[in-house]
Amino acid sequence: MKTLFALSAWCVLLVLCWPLALLALVLWPLVWLLSLPLRLVGITCSALFEFLRALLMLPARVLGGGPREAVIRDS
């Protein structure tokens, strides 16, 4: 759906202002290449935060913390 919207927007831009559409078509791969390092930094940061969360929650998991199911005992 995202690709269809981008294609439709580019076609509208091609009809309204074709030099800008062609410029966008040429510059889009360059913008994508420049954004790759930022994506890698984002993935690394999110992985680091997940690791720290798991490390901080480890003692609680070892000691049996967390939600427990209710136990119904017959008297």
Protein backbone atom coordinates (compact mmCIF):
# COMPACT_ATOMS: atom_id res chain seq x y z
CA MET A 1 0.00 0.00 0.00
CA LYS A 2 2.89 2.31 0.81
CA THR A 3 4.47 1.66 -2.58
CA LEU A 4 1.19 2.31 -4.38
CA PHE A 5 0.84 5.65 -2.61
CA ALA A 6 4.42 6.62 -3.48
CA LEU A 7 3.89 5.67 -7.12
CA SER A 8 0.64 7.63 -7.28
CA ALA A 9 2.25 10.67 -5.69
CA TRP A 10 5.13 10.48 -8.16
CA CYS A 11 2.73 10.24 -11.11
CA VAL A 12 0.84 13.32 -9.87
CA LEU A 13 4.14 15.14 -9.46
CA LEU A 14 5.14 14.05 -12.97
CA VAL A 15 1.98 15.60 -14.39
CA LEU A 16 2.22 18.81 -12.36
CA CYS A 17 5.96 19.44 -12.47
CA TRP A 18 7.96 16.93 -14.51
CA PRO A 19 11.45 18.36 -13.81
CA LEU A 20 10.90 17.98 -10.08
CA ALA A 21 9.60 14.43 -10.56
CA LEU A 22 12.67 13.46 -12.56
CA LEU A 23 14.93 15.07 -9.98
CA ALA A 24 13.18 13.09 -7.24
CA LEU A 25 13.59 9.92 -9.28
CA VAL A 26 17.35 10.53 -9.60
CA LEU A 27 17.94 11.66 -6.01
CA TRP A 28 15.86 8.97 -4.26
CA PRO A 29 18.63 6.28 -4.39
CA LEU A 30 21.15 8.78 -3.04
CA VAL A 31 18.86 9.70 -0.14
CA TRP A 32 18.34 6.00 0.55
CA LEU A 33 22.10 5.38 0.60
CA LEU A 34 22.65 8.30 2.97
CA SER A 35 19.94 7.04 5.34
CA LEU A 36 21.42 3.53 5.67
CA PRO A 37 23.97 4.43 8.38
CA LEU A 38 21.23 6.15 10.39
CA ARG A 39 19.08 3.03 10.18
CA LEU A 40 22.00 0.92 11.38
CA VAL A 41 22.50 3.26 14.34
CA GLY A 42 18.78 2.98 15.15
CA ILE A 43 18.83 -0.81 15.01
CA THR A 44 21.95 -0.90 17.19
CA CYS A 45 20.45 1.44 19.79
CA SER A 46 17.20 -0.49 20.01
CA ALA A 47 19.11 -3.76 20.38
CA LEU A 48 21.25 -2.21 23.11
CA PHE A 49 18.19 -1.01 25.02
CA GLU A 50 16.53 -4.44 24.73
CA PHE A 51 19.72 -6.05 26.02
CA LEU A 52 19.88 -3.66 28.98
CA ARG A 53 16.19 -4.29 29.74
CA ALA A 54 16.76 -8.05 29.68
CA LEU A 55 19.84 -7.66 31.87
CA LEU A 56 17.99 -5.55 34.44
CA MET A 57 14.98 -7.89 34.51
CA LEU A 58 17.11 -11.03 34.84
CA PRO A 59 17.16 -11.13 38.67
CA ALA A 60 13.38 -10.83 38.80
CA ARG A 61 12.97 -13.62 36.28
CA VAL A 62 15.40 -15.85 38.18
CA LEU A 63 13.62 -15.24 41.48
CA GLY A 64 10.25 -16.00 39.92
CA GLY A 65 8.83 -12.52 39.70
CA GLY A 66 6.18 -11.50 37.27
CA PRO A 67 2.51 -12.24 36.79
CA ARG A 68 1.27 -15.50 38.22
CA GLU A 69 -1.93 -17.36 37.62
CA ALA A 70 -4.41 -17.51 40.47
CA VAL A 71 -4.45 -20.85 42.24
CA ILE A 72 -7.88 -22.07 43.38
CA ARG A 73 -7.72 -24.51 46.26
CA ASP A 74 -10.60 -26.63 47.42
CA SER A 75 -11.18 -26.51 51.19
